[in-house]
Amino acid sequence: MMPLTMAATGETVTIRRITGKDEVRQRLAELGFVVDSPVTVVSKLAGNLILQVRDSRVALDKTMANRIQI
């Protein structure tokens, strides 16, 4: 496993684990980041990511993206 920040632009990956406090994991789940769901990296800028999750695009900072393991 590796953090989501290591995925290449344009790559579709599957979430394997989400780390952090319960509040953080709950917030990510509300945004659509759940285990075994696919996520596509749309773009990267200074470590921050724009991701395609289900039918929406979500921006995550580097700290939050590092909590998502692929």
PDB file of N, CA and C in Angstrom:
ATOM      1  N   MET A   1       0.835  -1.186   0.000  1.00  0.00           N
ATOM      2  CA  MET A   1       0.000   0.000   0.000  1.00  0.00           C
ATOM      3  C   MET A   1       0.879   1.247   0.000  1.00  0.00           C
ATOM      4  N   MET A   2       0.329   2.303  -0.589  1.00  0.00           N
ATOM      5  CA  MET A   2       1.023   3.588  -0.622  1.00  0.00           C
ATOM      6  C   MET A   2      -0.016   4.704  -0.539  1.00  0.00           C
ATOM      7  N   PRO A   3       0.412   5.913  -0.158  1.00  0.00           N
ATOM      8  CA  PRO A   3      -0.564   7.006  -0.061  1.00  0.00           C
ATOM      9  C   PRO A   3      -1.061   7.446  -1.433  1.00  0.00           C
ATOM     10  N   LEU A   4      -2.238   8.017  -1.463  1.00  0.00           N
ATOM     11  CA  LEU A   4      -2.852   8.484  -2.707  1.00  0.00           C
ATOM     12  C   LEU A   4      -1.988   9.511  -3.417  1.00  0.00           C
ATOM     13  N   THR A   5      -1.185  10.256  -2.670  1.00  0.00           N
ATOM     14  CA  THR A   5      -0.326  11.279  -3.285  1.00  0.00           C
ATOM     15  C   THR A   5       0.710  10.670  -4.227  1.00  0.00           C
ATOM     16  N   MET A   6       0.968   9.376  -4.128  1.00  0.00           N
ATOM     17  CA  MET A   6       1.952   8.713  -4.986  1.00  0.00           C
ATOM     18  C   MET A   6       1.371   8.296  -6.339  1.00  0.00           C
ATOM     19  N   ALA A   7       0.062   8.366  -6.511  1.00  0.00           N
ATOM     20  CA  ALA A   7      -0.572   7.979  -7.778  1.00  0.00           C
ATOM     21  C   ALA A   7      -0.255   9.020  -8.848  1.00  0.00           C
ATOM     22  N   ALA A   8      -0.117   8.565 -10.072  1.00  0.00           N
ATOM     23  CA  ALA A   8       0.190   9.452 -11.192  1.00  0.00           C
ATOM     24  C   ALA A   8      -1.071  10.128 -11.717  1.00  0.00           C
ATOM     25  N   THR A   9      -0.893  11.276 -12.339  1.00  0.00           N
ATOM     26  CA  THR A   9      -2.015  11.993 -12.948  1.00  0.00           C
ATOM     27  C   THR A   9      -2.632  11.125 -14.043  1.00  0.00           C
ATOM     28  N   GLY A  10      -3.948  11.016 -14.033  1.00  0.00           N
ATOM     29  CA  GLY A  10      -4.660  10.203 -15.011  1.00  0.00           C
ATOM     30  C   GLY A  10      -4.852   8.763 -14.588  1.00  0.00           C
ATOM     31  N   GLU A  11      -4.220   8.361 -13.521  1.00  0.00           N
ATOM     32  CA  GLU A  11      -4.299   6.977 -13.048  1.00  0.00           C
ATOM     33  C   GLU A  11      -5.564   6.759 -12.215  1.00  0.00           C
ATOM     34  N   THR A  12      -6.209   5.620 -12.423  1.00  0.00           N
ATOM     35  CA  THR A  12      -7.357   5.234 -11.608  1.00  0.00           C
ATOM     36  C   THR A  12      -6.890   4.163 -10.628  1.00  0.00           C
ATOM     37  N   VAL A  13      -7.142   4.413  -9.351  1.00  0.00           N
ATOM     38  CA  VAL A  13      -6.682   3.507  -8.299  1.00  0.00           C
ATOM     39  C   VAL A  13      -7.865   3.121  -7.416  1.00  0.00           C
ATOM     40  N   THR A  14      -7.673   2.100  -6.590  1.00  0.00           N
ATOM     41  CA  THR A  14      -8.705   1.640  -5.665  1.00  0.00           C
ATOM     42  C   THR A  14      -8.254   1.924  -4.241  1.00  0.00           C
ATOM     43  N   ILE A  15      -9.141   2.481  -3.441  1.00  0.00           N
ATOM     44  CA  ILE A  15      -8.833   2.788  -2.051  1.00  0.00           C
ATOM     45  C   ILE A  15      -8.780   1.484  -1.250  1.00  0.00           C
ATOM     46  N   ARG A  16      -7.702   1.289  -0.510  1.00  0.00           N
ATOM     47  CA  ARG A  16      -7.533   0.084   0.299  1.00  0.00           C
ATOM     48  C   ARG A  16      -7.754   0.339   1.786  1.00  0.00           C
ATOM     49  N   ARG A  17      -7.409   1.555   2.255  1.00  0.00           N
ATOM     50  CA  ARG A  17      -7.540   1.870   3.680  1.00  0.00           C
ATOM     51  C   ARG A  17      -7.548   3.373   3.867  1.00  0.00           C
ATOM     52  N   ILE A  18      -8.255   3.833   4.885  1.00  0.00           N
ATOM     53  CA  ILE A  18      -8.264   5.248   5.229  1.00  0.00           C
ATOM     54  C   ILE A  18      -7.852   5.362   6.693  1.00  0.00           C
ATOM     55  N   THR A  19      -6.818   6.152   6.958  1.00  0.00           N
ATOM     56  CA  THR A  19      -6.305   6.301   8.314  1.00  0.00           C
ATOM     57  C   THR A  19      -6.742   7.645   8.894  1.00  0.00           C
ATOM     58  N   GLY A  20      -6.519   7.813  10.179  1.00  0.00           N
ATOM     59  CA  GLY A  20      -6.840   9.075  10.832  1.00  0.00           C
ATOM     60  C   GLY A  20      -7.927   8.909  11.873  1.00  0.00           C
ATOM     61  N   LYS A  21      -8.286  10.020  12.481  1.00  0.00           N
ATOM     62  CA  LYS A  21      -9.323  10.011  13.512  1.00  0.00           C
ATOM     63  C   LYS A  21     -10.684   9.714  12.887  1.00  0.00           C
ATOM     64  N   ASP A  22     -11.623   9.321  13.737  1.00  0.00           N
ATOM     65  CA  ASP A  22     -12.969   8.979  13.264  1.00  0.00           C
ATOM     66  C   ASP A  22     -13.617  10.132  12.507  1.00  0.00           C
ATOM     67  N   GLU A  23     -13.414  11.364  12.984  1.00  0.00           N
ATOM     68  CA  GLU A  23     -14.024  12.528  12.327  1.00  0.00           C
ATOM     69  C   GLU A  23     -13.477  12.702  10.905  1.00  0.00           C
ATOM     70  N   VAL A  24     -12.176  12.482  10.755  1.00  0.00           N
ATOM     71  CA  VAL A  24     -11.542  12.622   9.438  1.00  0.00           C
ATOM     72  C   VAL A  24     -12.043  11.539   8.497  1.00  0.00           C
ATOM     73  N   ARG A  25     -12.096  10.309   8.978  1.00  0.00           N
ATOM     74  CA  ARG A  25     -12.572   9.204   8.140  1.00  0.00           C
ATOM     75  C   ARG A  25     -14.031   9.406   7.752  1.00  0.00           C
ATOM     76  N   GLN A  26     -14.837   9.923   8.679  1.00  0.00           N
ATOM     77  CA  GLN A  26     -16.249  10.187   8.393  1.00  0.00           C
ATOM     78  C   GLN A  26     -16.393  11.263   7.320  1.00  0.00           C
ATOM     79  N   ARG A  27     -15.605  12.319   7.421  1.00  0.00           N
ATOM     80  CA  ARG A  27     -15.659  13.413   6.436  1.00  0.00           C
ATOM     81  C   ARG A  27     -15.257  12.911   5.052  1.00  0.00           C
ATOM     82  N   LEU A  28     -14.215  12.103   4.979  1.00  0.00           N
ATOM     83  CA  LEU A  28     -13.797  11.549   3.690  1.00  0.00           C
ATOM     84  C   LEU A  28     -14.873  10.620   3.126  1.00  0.00           C
ATOM     85  N   ALA A  29     -15.532   9.861   3.979  1.00  0.00           N
ATOM     86  CA  ALA A  29     -16.610   8.979   3.521  1.00  0.00           C
ATOM     87  C   ALA A  29     -17.768   9.803   2.960  1.00  0.00           C
ATOM     88  N   GLU A  30     -18.072  10.942   3.588  1.00  0.00           N
ATOM     89  CA  GLU A  30     -19.130  11.813   3.081  1.00  0.00           C
ATOM     90  C   GLU A  30     -18.796  12.373   1.705  1.00  0.00           C
ATOM     91  N   LEU A  31     -17.507  12.542   1.438  1.00  0.00           N
ATOM     92  CA  LEU A  31     -17.069  13.036   0.127  1.00  0.00           C
ATOM     93  C   LEU A  31     -17.016  11.919  -0.917  1.00  0.00           C
ATOM     94  N   GLY A  32     -17.185  10.663  -0.491  1.00  0.00           N
ATOM     95  CA  GLY A  32     -17.187   9.545  -1.425  1.00  0.00           C
ATOM     96  C   GLY A  32     -15.962   8.664  -1.359  1.00  0.00           C
ATOM     97  N   PHE A  33     -15.047   8.956  -0.447  1.00  0.00           N
ATOM     98  CA  PHE A  33     -13.836   8.160  -0.309  1.00  0.00           C
ATOM     99  C   PHE A  33     -14.090   7.009   0.656  1.00  0.00           C
ATOM    100  N   VAL A  34     -14.457   5.853   0.107  1.00  0.00           N
ATOM    101  CA  VAL A  34     -14.711   4.664   0.904  1.00  0.00           C
ATOM    102  C   VAL A  34     -13.851   3.525   0.377  1.00  0.00           C
ATOM    103  N   VAL A  35     -13.563   2.561   1.245  1.00  0.00           N
ATOM    104  CA  VAL A  35     -12.717   1.424   0.883  1.00  0.00           C
ATOM    105  C   VAL A  35     -13.320   0.664  -0.297  1.00  0.00           C
ATOM    106  N   ASP A  36     -12.455   0.249  -1.213  1.00  0.00           N
ATOM    107  CA  ASP A  36     -12.783  -0.501  -2.435  1.00  0.00           C
ATOM    108  C   ASP A  36     -13.472   0.329  -3.509  1.00  0.00           C
ATOM    109  N   SER A  37     -13.486   1.657  -3.363  1.00  0.00           N
ATOM    110  CA  SER A  37     -14.061   2.493  -4.427  1.00  0.00           C
ATOM    111  C   SER A  37     -12.940   3.025  -5.322  1.00  0.00           C
ATOM    112  N   PRO A  38     -13.201   3.173  -6.625  1.00  0.00           N
ATOM    113  CA  PRO A  38     -12.187   3.705  -7.534  1.00  0.00           C
ATOM    114  C   PRO A  38     -12.096   5.229  -7.454  1.00  0.00           C
ATOM    115  N   VAL A  39     -10.882   5.726  -7.617  1.00  0.00           N
ATOM    116  CA  VAL A  39     -10.608   7.165  -7.602  1.00  0.00           C
ATOM    117  C   VAL A  39      -9.644   7.456  -8.742  1.00  0.00           C
ATOM    118  N   THR A  40      -9.918   8.501  -9.519  1.00  0.00           N
ATOM    119  CA  THR A  40      -9.034   8.899 -10.609  1.00  0.00           C
ATOM    120  C   THR A  40      -8.378  10.222 -10.262  1.00  0.00           C
ATOM    121  N   VAL A  41      -7.049  10.286 -10.432  1.00  0.00           N
ATOM    122  CA  VAL A  41      -6.315  11.516 -10.186  1.00  0.00           C
ATOM    123  C   VAL A  41      -6.437  12.393 -11.430  1.00  0.00           C
ATOM    124  N   VAL A  42      -7.127  13.521 -11.305  1.00  0.00           N
ATOM    125  CA  VAL A  42      -7.330  14.426 -12.434  1.00  0.00           C
ATOM    126  C   VAL A  42      -6.113  15.325 -12.613  1.00  0.00           C
ATOM    127  N   SER A  43      -5.636  15.926 -11.515  1.00  0.00           N
ATOM    128  CA  SER A  43      -4.439  16.757 -11.596  1.00  0.00           C
ATOM    129  C   SER A  43      -3.781  16.886 -10.244  1.00  0.00           C
ATOM    130  N   LYS A  44      -2.502  17.289 -10.287  1.00  0.00           N
ATOM    131  CA  LYS A  44      -1.704  17.516  -9.085  1.00  0.00           C
ATOM    132  C   LYS A  44      -1.061  18.886  -9.200  1.00  0.00           C
ATOM    133  N   LEU A  45      -1.040  19.614  -8.085  1.00  0.00           N
ATOM    134  CA  LEU A  45      -0.375  20.904  -8.059  1.00  0.00           C
ATOM    135  C   LEU A  45       0.196  21.119  -6.664  1.00  0.00           C
ATOM    136  N   ALA A  46       1.503  21.130  -6.550  1.00  0.00           N
ATOM    137  CA  ALA A  46       2.204  21.333  -5.275  1.00  0.00           C
ATOM    138  C   ALA A  46       1.763  20.319  -4.223  1.00  0.00           C
ATOM    139  N   GLY A  47       1.505  19.092  -4.616  1.00  0.00           N
ATOM    140  CA  GLY A  47       1.113  18.049  -3.681  1.00  0.00           C
ATOM    141  C   GLY A  47      -0.377  17.962  -3.439  1.00  0.00           C
ATOM    142  N   ASN A  48      -1.129  18.985  -3.824  1.00  0.00           N
ATOM    143  CA  ASN A  48      -2.577  18.964  -3.687  1.00  0.00           C
ATOM    144  C   ASN A  48      -3.174  18.250  -4.895  1.00  0.00           C
ATOM    145  N   LEU A  49      -4.311  17.575  -4.683  1.00  0.00           N
ATOM    146  CA  LEU A  49      -4.879  16.742  -5.740  1.00  0.00           C
ATOM    147  C   LEU A  49      -6.310  17.136  -6.075  1.00  0.00           C
ATOM    148  N   ILE A  50      -6.643  17.011  -7.353  1.00  0.00           N
ATOM    149  CA  ILE A  50      -8.043  17.073  -7.782  1.00  0.00           C
ATOM    150  C   ILE A  50      -8.378  15.658  -8.233  1.00  0.00           C
ATOM    151  N   LEU A  51      -9.432  15.101  -7.627  1.00  0.00           N
ATOM    152  CA  LEU A  51      -9.762  13.698  -7.829  1.00  0.00           C
ATOM    153  C   LEU A  51     -11.176  13.536  -8.357  1.00  0.00           C
ATOM    154  N   GLN A  52     -11.363  12.542  -9.203  1.00  0.00           N
ATOM    155  CA  GLN A  52     -12.694  12.169  -9.690  1.00  0.00           C
ATOM    156  C   GLN A  52     -13.176  11.020  -8.822  1.00  0.00           C
ATOM    157  N   VAL A  53     -14.240  11.272  -8.064  1.00  0.00           N
ATOM    158  CA  VAL A  53     -14.822  10.265  -7.179  1.00  0.00           C
ATOM    159  C   VAL A  53     -16.289  10.141  -7.556  1.00  0.00           C
ATOM    160  N   ARG A  54     -16.688   8.958  -7.979  1.00  0.00           N
ATOM    161  CA  ARG A  54     -18.044   8.740  -8.481  1.00  0.00           C
ATOM    162  C   ARG A  54     -18.341   9.748  -9.588  1.00  0.00           C
ATOM    163  N   ASP A  55     -19.353  10.603  -9.411  1.00  0.00           N
ATOM    164  CA  ASP A  55     -19.705  11.560 -10.466  1.00  0.00           C
ATOM    165  C   ASP A  55     -19.284  12.975 -10.141  1.00  0.00           C
ATOM    166  N   SER A  56     -18.337  13.154  -9.234  1.00  0.00           N
ATOM    167  CA  SER A  56     -17.936  14.513  -8.867  1.00  0.00           C
ATOM    168  C   SER A  56     -16.418  14.616  -8.753  1.00  0.00           C
ATOM    169  N   ARG A  57     -15.957  15.856  -8.787  1.00  0.00           N
ATOM    170  CA  ARG A  57     -14.535  16.128  -8.602  1.00  0.00           C
ATOM    171  C   ARG A  57     -14.332  16.766  -7.239  1.00  0.00           C
ATOM    172  N   VAL A  58     -13.309  16.301  -6.551  1.00  0.00           N
ATOM    173  CA  VAL A  58     -13.030  16.765  -5.199  1.00  0.00           C
ATOM    174  C   VAL A  58     -11.563  17.166  -5.115  1.00  0.00           C
ATOM    175  N   ALA A  59     -11.285  18.302  -4.468  1.00  0.00           N
ATOM    176  CA  ALA A  59      -9.908  18.740  -4.230  1.00  0.00           C
ATOM    177  C   ALA A  59      -9.517  18.360  -2.811  1.00  0.00           C
ATOM    178  N   LEU A  60      -8.349  17.753  -2.667  1.00  0.00           N
ATOM    179  CA  LEU A  60      -7.826  17.403  -1.342  1.00  0.00           C
ATOM    180  C   LEU A  60      -6.423  17.963  -1.199  1.00  0.00           C
ATOM    181  N   ASP A  61      -6.115  18.444   0.003  1.00  0.00           N
ATOM    182  CA  ASP A  61      -4.746  18.885   0.236  1.00  0.00           C
ATOM    183  C   ASP A  61      -3.868  17.664   0.500  1.00  0.00           C
ATOM    184  N   LYS A  62      -2.566  17.905   0.514  1.00  0.00           N
ATOM    185  CA  LYS A  62      -1.601  16.819   0.636  1.00  0.00           C
ATOM    186  C   LYS A  62      -1.798  16.028   1.932  1.00  0.00           C
ATOM    187  N   THR A  63      -2.108  16.715   3.033  1.00  0.00           N
ATOM    188  CA  THR A  63      -2.281  16.054   4.327  1.00  0.00           C
ATOM    189  C   THR A  63      -3.432  15.056   4.294  1.00  0.00           C
ATOM    190  N   MET A  64      -4.560  15.476   3.747  1.00  0.00           N
ATOM    191  CA  MET A  64      -5.726  14.585   3.673  1.00  0.00           C
ATOM    192  C   MET A  64      -5.479  13.447   2.684  1.00  0.00           C
ATOM    193  N   ALA A  65      -4.852  13.736   1.565  1.00  0.00           N
ATOM    194  CA  ALA A  65      -4.578  12.706   0.554  1.00  0.00           C
ATOM    195  C   ALA A  65      -3.631  11.640   1.094  1.00  0.00           C
ATOM    196  N   ASN A  66      -2.717  12.024   1.978  1.00  0.00           N
ATOM    197  CA  ASN A  66      -1.793  11.046   2.571  1.00  0.00           C
ATOM    198  C   ASN A  66      -2.494  10.082   3.501  1.00  0.00           C
ATOM    199  N   ARG A  67      -3.687  10.392   3.975  1.00  0.00           N
ATOM    200  CA  ARG A  67      -4.445   9.499   4.855  1.00  0.00           C
ATOM    201  C   ARG A  67      -5.134   8.384   4.075  1.00  0.00           C
ATOM    202  N   ILE A  68      -5.245   8.548   2.764  1.00  0.00           N
ATOM    203  CA  ILE A  68      -5.904   7.549   1.924  1.00  0.00           C
ATOM    204  C   ILE A  68      -4.841   6.627   1.327  1.00  0.00           C
ATOM    205  N   GLN A  69      -4.933   5.342   1.649  1.00  0.00           N
ATOM    206  CA  GLN A  69      -3.966   4.363   1.169  1.00  0.00           C
ATOM    207  C   GLN A  69      -4.548   3.616  -0.028  1.00  0.00           C
ATOM    208  N   ILE A  70      -3.699   3.428  -1.048  1.00  0.00           N
ATOM    209  CA  ILE A  70      -4.140   2.718  -2.257  1.00  0.00           C
ATOM    210  C   ILE A  70      -3.292   1.469  -2.452  1.00  0.00           C
TER     211      ILE A  70
END
